[in-house]
Each structure stands twice: as structure tokens, then as C-alpha cells.
Protein backbone atom coordinates (compact mmCIF):
# COMPACT_ATOMS: atom_id res chain seq x y z
CA UNK A 1 -30.46 11.64 24.19
CA UNK A 2 -27.22 12.32 22.36
CA UNK A 3 -25.48 9.02 21.57
CA UNK A 4 -22.19 8.59 23.33
CA UNK A 5 -19.15 9.10 21.18
CA UNK A 6 -16.45 6.43 20.94
CA UNK A 7 -13.87 6.81 23.64
CA UNK A 8 -10.84 8.68 22.34
CA UNK A 9 -7.66 9.65 24.08
CA UNK A 10 -4.01 10.21 23.34
CA UNK A 11 -3.24 6.77 24.76
CA UNK A 12 -5.73 5.10 22.42
CA UNK A 13 -4.42 7.10 19.46
CA UNK A 14 -0.88 6.06 20.32
CA UNK A 15 -1.97 2.41 20.51
CA UNK A 16 -3.60 2.61 17.07
CA UNK A 17 -0.56 4.27 15.49
CA UNK A 18 1.83 1.77 17.07
CA UNK A 19 -0.26 -1.19 15.88
CA UNK A 20 -0.32 0.23 12.35
CA UNK A 21 3.43 0.95 12.32
CA UNK A 22 5.02 -1.92 14.32
CA UNK A 23 8.56 -0.57 14.01
CA UNK A 24 7.63 2.10 16.58
CA UNK A 25 7.05 -0.68 19.10
CA UNK A 26 10.32 -2.59 18.86
CA UNK A 27 12.89 -0.12 17.56
CA UNK A 28 13.26 1.94 20.79
CA UNK A 29 14.01 -1.23 22.78
CA UNK A 30 16.29 -2.84 20.19
CA UNK A 31 19.40 -4.27 21.98
CA UNK A 32 22.13 -2.98 19.69
CA UNK A 33 25.11 -4.60 21.39
CA UNK A 34 23.47 -8.00 21.60
CA UNK A 35 21.85 -8.31 18.18
CA UNK A 36 23.48 -5.85 15.79
CA UNK A 37 26.39 -8.03 14.60
CA UNK A 38 24.20 -11.01 13.77
CA UNK A 39 21.63 -8.81 12.09
CA UNK A 40 24.25 -7.14 9.91
CA UNK A 41 25.66 -10.50 8.79
CA UNK A 42 22.16 -11.83 8.16
CA UNK A 43 21.20 -8.70 6.24
CA UNK A 44 24.28 -8.84 4.03
CA UNK A 45 23.77 -12.55 3.26
CA UNK A 46 20.10 -12.03 2.43
CA UNK A 47 20.85 -8.93 0.37
CA UNK A 48 23.46 -10.76 -1.68
CA UNK A 49 20.92 -13.51 -2.38
CA UNK A 50 18.28 -10.91 -3.23
CA UNK A 51 20.29 -9.51 -6.16
CA UNK A 52 20.65 -12.62 -8.37
CA UNK A 53 17.17 -13.83 -7.40
CA UNK A 54 15.68 -10.49 -8.37
CA UNK A 55 17.32 -10.67 -11.78
CA UNK A 56 16.27 -14.30 -12.32
CA UNK A 57 12.68 -13.90 -11.09
CA UNK A 58 12.21 -10.85 -13.34
CA UNK A 59 12.77 -13.23 -16.24
CA UNK A 60 10.05 -15.50 -14.84
CA UNK A 61 7.78 -12.44 -14.70
CA UNK A 62 8.63 -11.74 -18.37
CA UNK A 63 10.00 -8.25 -17.70
CA UNK A 64 13.56 -6.91 -18.13
CA UNK A 65 15.92 -8.07 -15.32
CA UNK A 66 16.49 -4.57 -13.92
CA UNK A 67 12.89 -4.46 -12.70
CA UNK A 68 13.68 -7.41 -10.47
CA UNK A 69 16.19 -5.18 -8.69
CA UNK A 70 13.54 -2.50 -8.23
CA UNK A 71 11.23 -5.13 -6.75
CA UNK A 72 14.01 -6.19 -4.41
CA UNK A 73 14.42 -2.72 -2.92
CA UNK A 74 11.35 -0.47 -2.66
CA UNK A 75 8.82 -2.99 -1.24
CA UNK A 76 11.43 -4.42 1.13
CA UNK A 77 12.11 -0.98 2.58
CA UNK A 78 8.40 -0.44 3.33
CA UNK A 79 7.92 -3.84 4.98
CA UNK A 80 10.54 -2.92 7.56
CA UNK A 81 8.12 -0.30 8.94
CA UNK A 82 4.77 -2.08 8.57
CA UNK A 83 5.50 -5.83 8.86
CA UNK A 84 5.13 -7.92 12.02
CA UNK A 85 7.36 -10.89 11.24
CA UNK A 86 10.94 -10.71 12.46
CA UNK A 87 12.37 -13.33 10.13
CA UNK A 88 10.71 -13.44 6.70
CA UNK A 89 12.40 -11.82 3.72
CA UNK A 90 10.03 -9.86 1.51
CA UNK A 91 10.86 -9.50 -2.17
CA UNK A 92 10.68 -11.43 -5.41
CA UNK A 93 9.45 -15.03 -5.27
CA UNK A 94 9.27 -17.63 -8.03
CA UNK A 95 5.58 -18.61 -7.73
CA UNK A 96 4.32 -15.02 -7.76
CA UNK A 97 6.75 -14.16 -10.57
CA UNK A 98 5.40 -17.05 -12.63
CA UNK A 99 1.82 -15.85 -12.03
CA UNK A 100 2.76 -12.31 -13.09
CA UNK A 101 4.58 -13.70 -16.12
CA UNK A 102 1.50 -15.67 -17.16
CA UNK A 103 -0.62 -12.51 -17.22
CA UNK A 104 2.07 -10.44 -18.92
CA UNK A 105 2.76 -12.95 -21.71
CA UNK A 106 -0.96 -13.47 -22.28
CA UNK A 107 -1.71 -9.75 -22.59
CA UNK A 108 1.46 -8.74 -24.46
CA UNK A 109 2.68 -11.73 -26.51
CA UNK A 110 5.56 -11.53 -28.95
CA UNK A 111 3.14 -11.93 -31.86
CA UNK A 112 1.43 -8.64 -30.94
CA UNK A 113 4.67 -6.81 -31.76
CA UNK A 114 5.58 -8.98 -34.75
CA UNK A 115 8.79 -10.09 -33.06
CA UNK A 116 8.49 -13.77 -33.94
CA UNK A 117 7.46 -13.22 -37.54
CA UNK A 118 11.05 -13.03 -38.78
CA UNK A 119 10.15 -10.86 -41.77
CA UNK A 120 12.60 -8.09 -40.95
CA UNK A 121 16.32 -8.49 -40.90
CA UNK A 122 16.93 -4.95 -39.66
CA UNK A 123 18.35 -5.22 -36.15
CA UNK A 124 17.24 -1.68 -35.34
CA UNK A 125 13.61 -2.47 -36.16
CA UNK A 126 13.72 -5.67 -34.12
CA UNK A 127 15.26 -3.83 -31.17
CA UNK A 128 12.58 -1.12 -31.33
CA UNK A 129 9.83 -3.74 -31.32
CA UNK A 130 11.42 -5.57 -28.41
CA UNK A 131 11.66 -2.35 -26.42
CA UNK A 132 8.00 -1.58 -27.16
CA UNK A 133 7.01 -5.07 -26.00
CA UNK A 134 9.05 -4.79 -22.82
CA UNK A 135 7.57 -1.37 -22.04
CA UNK A 136 4.05 -2.74 -22.43
CA UNK A 137 4.86 -5.76 -20.26
CA UNK A 138 6.27 -3.55 -17.51
CA UNK A 139 3.06 -1.48 -17.52
CA UNK A 140 0.92 -4.61 -17.29
CA UNK A 141 3.00 -6.06 -14.46
CA UNK A 142 2.85 -2.76 -12.54
CA UNK A 143 -0.92 -2.54 -13.07
CA UNK A 144 -1.52 -6.07 -11.82
CA UNK A 145 0.76 -5.39 -8.85
CA UNK A 146 -1.10 -2.19 -7.95
CA UNK A 147 -4.46 -3.97 -8.08
CA UNK A 148 -3.16 -6.90 -6.02
CA UNK A 149 -1.78 -4.45 -3.45
CA UNK A 150 -5.08 -2.58 -3.21
CA UNK A 151 -6.91 -5.87 -2.66
CA UNK A 152 -4.50 -6.89 0.09
CA UNK A 153 -4.65 -3.47 1.77
CA UNK A 154 -8.47 -3.38 1.72
CA UNK A 155 -8.70 -6.93 3.06
CA UNK A 156 -6.37 -5.91 5.88
CA UNK A 157 -8.51 -2.90 6.78
CA UNK A 158 -11.60 -5.13 6.72
CA UNK A 159 -9.85 -7.50 9.18
CA UNK A 160 -9.75 -10.45 6.81
CA UNK A 161 -6.48 -11.55 8.38
CA UNK A 162 -8.54 -13.93 10.52
CA UNK A 163 -8.23 -16.48 7.73
CA UNK A 164 -4.70 -17.07 9.02
CA UNK A 165 -6.34 -18.94 11.92
CA UNK A 166 -7.33 -21.69 9.51
CA UNK A 167 -3.77 -22.08 8.28
CA UNK A 168 -2.88 -24.89 10.68
CA UNK A 169 0.71 -26.06 10.97
CA UNK A 170 0.21 -29.21 8.81
CA UNK A 171 -1.50 -27.09 6.15
CA UNK A 172 1.24 -24.47 6.26
CA UNK A 173 4.00 -27.05 6.00
CA UNK A 174 2.21 -28.79 3.13
CA UNK A 175 1.77 -25.49 1.32
CA UNK A 176 5.40 -24.48 1.72
CA UNK A 177 6.60 -27.93 0.64
CA UNK A 178 4.41 -27.82 -2.48
CA UNK A 179 5.66 -24.32 -3.26
CA UNK A 180 9.24 -25.54 -2.84
CA UNK A 181 8.65 -28.36 -5.33
CA UNK A 182 7.04 -25.93 -7.78
CA UNK A 183 9.99 -23.56 -7.51
CA UNK A 184 12.46 -26.42 -7.96
CA UNK A 185 10.73 -27.66 -11.11
CA UNK A 186 10.53 -24.14 -12.55
CA UNK A 187 14.28 -23.64 -12.08
CA UNK A 188 15.46 -26.95 -13.58
CA UNK A 189 15.73 -25.53 -17.10
CA UNK A 190 18.19 -22.92 -15.82
CA UNK A 191 20.22 -25.57 -14.01
CA UNK A 192 20.55 -27.58 -17.22
CA UNK A 193 20.94 -24.47 -19.40
CA UNK A 194 18.04 -25.55 -21.62
CA UNK A 195 15.74 -23.05 -23.31
CA UNK A 196 12.11 -24.20 -23.38
CA UNK A 197 8.72 -22.58 -23.96
CA UNK A 198 6.85 -20.92 -21.09
CA UNK A 199 3.85 -22.76 -19.65
CA UNK A 200 1.04 -21.36 -17.52
CA UNK A 201 -2.15 -22.65 -15.94
CA UNK A 202 -2.84 -26.07 -14.37
CA UNK A 203 -0.07 -28.68 -14.67
CA UNK A 204 2.36 -26.05 -15.99
CA UNK A 205 5.13 -27.52 -13.82
CA UNK A 206 4.55 -30.97 -15.32
CA UNK A 207 4.59 -29.56 -18.85
CA UNK A 208 7.88 -27.81 -18.04
CA UNK A 209 9.45 -31.09 -16.90
CA UNK A 210 8.22 -32.88 -20.04
CA UNK A 211 9.68 -30.12 -22.24
CA UNK A 212 12.93 -30.36 -20.29
CA UNK A 213 13.12 -34.10 -20.89
CA UNK A 214 12.42 -33.65 -24.59
CA UNK A 215 15.37 -31.26 -24.91
CA UNK A 216 17.75 -32.98 -22.50
CA UNK A 217 20.25 -33.59 -25.30
CA UNK A 218 20.79 -29.82 -25.56
CA UNK A 219 22.00 -29.59 -21.95
CA UNK A 220 24.62 -26.90 -21.41
CA UNK A 221 27.31 -28.90 -19.63
CA UNK A 222 29.10 -25.82 -18.31
CA UNK A 223 25.90 -24.46 -16.73
CA UNK A 224 25.12 -27.87 -15.22
CA UNK A 225 28.60 -28.23 -13.71
CA UNK A 226 28.47 -24.75 -12.16
CA UNK A 227 24.99 -25.42 -10.77
CA UNK A 228 25.87 -28.81 -9.28
CA UNK A 229 29.04 -27.46 -7.64
CA UNK A 230 27.06 -24.60 -6.08
CA UNK A 231 24.40 -27.00 -4.75
CA UNK A 232 27.00 -29.33 -3.24
CA UNK A 233 28.79 -26.41 -1.60
CA UNK A 234 25.55 -25.00 -0.17
CA UNK A 235 24.47 -28.36 1.28
CA UNK A 236 27.92 -29.16 2.68
CA UNK A 237 28.38 -25.84 4.46
CA UNK A 238 24.82 -25.97 5.80
CA UNK A 239 25.63 -29.29 7.43
CA UNK A 240 28.82 -27.81 8.88
CA UNK A 241 26.88 -24.86 10.29
CA UNK A 242 24.32 -27.19 11.89
CA UNK A 243 26.94 -29.53 13.37
CA UNK A 244 29.27 -26.85 14.74
CA UNK A 245 26.77 -24.08 15.51
CA UNK A 246 27.77 -24.13 19.18
CA UNK A 247 31.42 -23.52 18.33
CA UNK A 248 31.02 -21.03 15.50
CA UNK A 249 30.58 -17.40 16.64
CA UNK A 250 28.41 -16.80 13.55
CA UNK A 251 27.31 -19.23 10.82
CA UNK A 252 29.46 -19.37 7.70
CA UNK A 253 27.73 -17.10 5.11
CA UNK A 254 27.98 -19.68 2.34
CA UNK A 255 25.40 -17.89 0.18
CA UNK A 256 27.71 -14.88 -0.13
CA UNK A 257 30.67 -17.14 -0.88
CA UNK A 258 28.79 -19.05 -3.60
CA UNK A 259 27.56 -15.88 -5.31
CA UNK A 260 31.03 -14.31 -5.26
CA UNK A 261 32.81 -17.45 -6.49
CA UNK A 262 30.28 -18.25 -9.23
CA UNK A 263 30.19 -14.65 -10.44
CA UNK A 264 33.97 -14.44 -10.43
CA UNK A 265 34.30 -17.76 -12.25
CA UNK A 266 31.76 -16.70 -14.87
CA UNK A 267 33.59 -13.43 -15.48
CA UNK A 268 37.11 -14.87 -15.33
CA UNK A 269 36.39 -17.85 -17.57
CA UNK A 270 34.10 -15.84 -19.86
CA UNK A 271 31.41 -18.51 -19.52
CA UNK A 272 28.68 -16.34 -21.02
CA UNK A 273 30.43 -15.89 -24.36
CA UNK A 274 32.37 -19.14 -24.51
CA UNK A 275 29.72 -21.60 -23.33
CA UNK A 276 26.47 -19.60 -23.43
CA UNK A 277 25.82 -19.72 -19.67
CA UNK A 278 23.10 -17.23 -18.83
CA UNK A 279 24.17 -15.45 -15.78
CA UNK A 280 -4.68 -12.41 -12.27
CA UNK A 281 -4.67 -9.81 -9.31
CA UNK A 282 -6.96 -11.54 -6.81
CA UNK A 283 -5.15 -14.84 -7.13
CA UNK A 284 -1.80 -13.09 -6.82
CA UNK A 285 -2.99 -11.18 -3.74
CA UNK A 286 -4.24 -14.34 -2.03
CA UNK A 287 -1.26 -16.51 -2.92
CA UNK A 288 1.14 -13.76 -1.89
CA UNK A 289 -0.53 -13.35 1.50
CA UNK A 290 -0.76 -17.12 2.03
CA UNK A 291 2.93 -17.55 1.32
CA UNK A 292 3.92 -14.69 3.60
CA UNK A 293 1.71 -15.57 6.57
CA UNK A 294 2.62 -19.26 6.26
CA UNK A 295 6.33 -18.64 6.65
CA UNK A 296 5.72 -15.93 9.26
CA UNK A 297 3.69 -18.36 11.40
CA UNK A 298 6.35 -21.06 11.15
CA UNK A 299 9.05 -18.70 12.43
CA UNK A 300 6.73 -17.14 15.03
CA UNK A 301 5.96 -20.56 16.51
CA UNK A 302 9.62 -21.54 16.47
CA UNK A 303 10.84 -18.35 18.17
CA UNK A 304 7.89 -17.71 20.47
CA UNK A 305 6.24 -14.53 19.24
CA UNK A 306 3.02 -13.59 17.42
CA UNK A 307 2.31 -12.17 13.99
CA UNK A 308 -0.83 -10.29 12.92
CA UNK A 309 -2.60 -11.53 9.80
CA UNK A 310 -4.39 -8.20 9.37
CA UNK A 311 -1.19 -6.20 9.66
CA UNK A 312 0.59 -8.53 7.24
CA UNK A 313 -2.16 -7.91 4.68
CA UNK A 314 -1.80 -4.16 5.16
CA UNK A 315 2.00 -4.35 4.96
CA UNK A 316 1.99 -6.42 1.77
CA UNK A 317 -0.69 -4.17 0.28
CA UNK A 318 1.40 -1.07 0.95
CA UNK A 319 4.53 -2.75 -0.41
CA UNK A 320 2.83 -3.69 -3.67
CA UNK A 321 0.85 -0.45 -4.07
CA UNK A 322 3.82 1.82 -3.48
CA UNK A 323 6.21 -0.45 -5.38
CA UNK A 324 4.03 -0.45 -8.49
CA UNK A 325 4.71 3.28 -8.93
CA UNK A 326 8.38 2.37 -9.24
CA UNK A 327 7.57 -0.27 -11.89
CA UNK A 328 8.03 -3.24 -9.56
CA UNK A 329 6.09 -6.47 -9.84
CA UNK A 330 4.23 -8.22 -7.00
CA UNK A 331 6.32 -9.35 -4.03
CA UNK A 332 5.82 -11.69 -1.13
CA UNK A 333 7.88 -13.75 1.28
CA UNK A 334 10.75 -15.73 -0.22
CA UNK A 335 11.23 -19.13 1.39
CA UNK A 336 14.89 -19.53 0.52
CA UNK A 337 15.94 -16.06 1.68
CA UNK A 338 13.79 -16.29 4.81
CA UNK A 339 15.38 -19.59 5.79
CA UNK A 340 18.85 -18.18 5.21
CA UNK A 341 17.98 -15.03 7.15
CA UNK A 342 16.68 -17.05 10.08
CA UNK A 343 19.52 -19.57 10.02
CA UNK A 344 22.32 -17.01 9.95
CA UNK A 345 21.79 -16.16 13.59
CA UNK A 346 18.70 -17.79 15.02
CA UNK A 347 19.17 -16.46 18.54
CA UNK A 348 18.76 -12.89 17.38
CA UNK A 349 15.37 -11.30 17.67
CA UNK A 350 15.32 -8.86 14.79
CA UNK A 351 16.70 -9.16 11.29
CA UNK A 352 17.34 -6.53 8.67
CA UNK A 353 15.50 -6.70 5.38
């Protein structure tokens, strides 16, 4: 007897295509009049946050800042078509950037290019060596990103998204809280304007805090004042948005306001010149997916919809694979941008990346 062939029809093919490209499912029924305004405001706020974060996280990844902008665009565009979460913001993230930076600095240290030797006083020679180092680091970051993306994509095809079932709500909240603390500690040196050595591996966050304390006397007062003012403004307006959310037509986009004011103040007061204010693949694949699915599940539970762990793996894999050809480094969900994106207009169903 001839074995029966798997059932195939146009309806089944359509179902497979729609499950692989989720945008085909929701875009035709998108309520433009009801959700467009909130989505535009949310998208602008998140995009404005994406720019400075991309520049800053590129420094954590030990690559030139412009590559943070690349990582904030190409992968984000792809996730719009293949992702299943309606609220998370894909792009650069501190933890993943630190992991990429650890690999990059290990494989292409300054000593390899004789940058720290200090034997040459010729600025041209030093600049050429720095450019060679940066070019090598970009290649390493792109290679690691491509491999991480391939791992994520293959795991998605093999239906390994089931591991998301074991990410219970207490575990997810604990993971996101720990990641928040890690991000906070990694950014303290920028808040205080202190330059310290990079640390990687276990207890790197603790070593960073110790180094910060040892150099606390070199705190850049101007950078600290700007940072504290921005934090106070962000917290204050967030409380106003929460208290008067029933009366406000849309939440106050404080993130945009802070970025515009701080950038304008830095340029107008010439803070940069006057005060010196500085405006491995498997692990990365797993941590990136864990971060993304964790935040996606939190928002899905809150807003009453479902996300697919398998499709999220495929989406992240495609984002990282395709992005690596544009010299991006690995991306995942950003907690801060996702929270802002969700808070800007929580009643809306879809948000722009």
C-alpha cells in the first residue's frame, strides 16, 4: 500500500504562512481610528528613547556608537512582521550589550593593536590603529550576533519555545528584577561621570561598584546634576500620569521631553567641552530569548492575549541573522522601552516598533 500523504490544502498553507508571519493576521483588522493616535505617540516616545540608548549600549558592546543606531533600526523593522508580542520593544539592551562587549574585548583587546603601549606620539598612527581595532571588533560582534541568531532560529523551528512554559510568573518577575538591578549597576559610572575599567564574568557588577567607589572622588559634578534632574523629572511625571490617567487624553511623553531638554542643555551650555560630560553565542541566544519572552508574557497576561515562544525564537533569530549583515550586534527586548511603550497608551492593542 502507498502511504498516505500529509493532508495539504490552500487553507492549511494559509494557516502556516499566517502563523509564520503574524502581521498578516492582525494588520487587516487593525482599528485605525481607535488606536492610531496612541500608537503614533507611543512609537515616537519609544523611538526617541531608542536613539540615545542605542548610542550608549554600543559603548557597552565595545563598538563605535553608530552601530548602536544600526542595531536600533534593522532588527526592529523585522520584528514588526514576525513577532507575536504587541508591547515589547526590540532593540539594544544593556545585559546583551555587556555580553557582546565581553567577547569583543577578549578577542580584540587594545594590546593586540598596540594602542595602550604609548610608544608612538603620532596621532595619525594612533588613529589608524584605533580604526583597525574598531573594524575588528565590529566583525566579531556581527559574527557572534549571526551565530546567536542562527541558534535562536533553529531552536524555533525545532519547537524549543516550549521552555517558556517553565517561565512562571514569579520566575519571570525575579529575572526581570535582577536584570534591572544589573542594568542599574552597569550605568552608575555614566551617572557619576567616572571612567573605570570594564569587567566581565561572574560578579562583574560587584567589581564595577567597587571600582566606582574607589574613584568616587573623580565624580563629574555636572554629569551627576544632569542625571539626577532627569531621574527626578521622569519619576515625577510618571506619578502624574498614573494619578491623572483618567483625565489625560494621552500620557505626558516625559521621555521625549527629557531627551530634548538634556540634549539642548548639553549643546547650549557646551557641557561636553567645558565639563567633560559624555553625551559567547549560545549564552547570548538564550539570555536574549529569556529576556524577550519574559517581558512578552508579563504584558500578555496583563492585557489578555497569548504569545508564542516558538515564534518569538524565530523572530529574534531572523532579527539577529539579518541584522548581522548590516553590522548590528545582538538585540532583544528592552525593559525600559517596553514599559514606556506599554504605559504611553495601555488601552491600545497594537504598538509601533
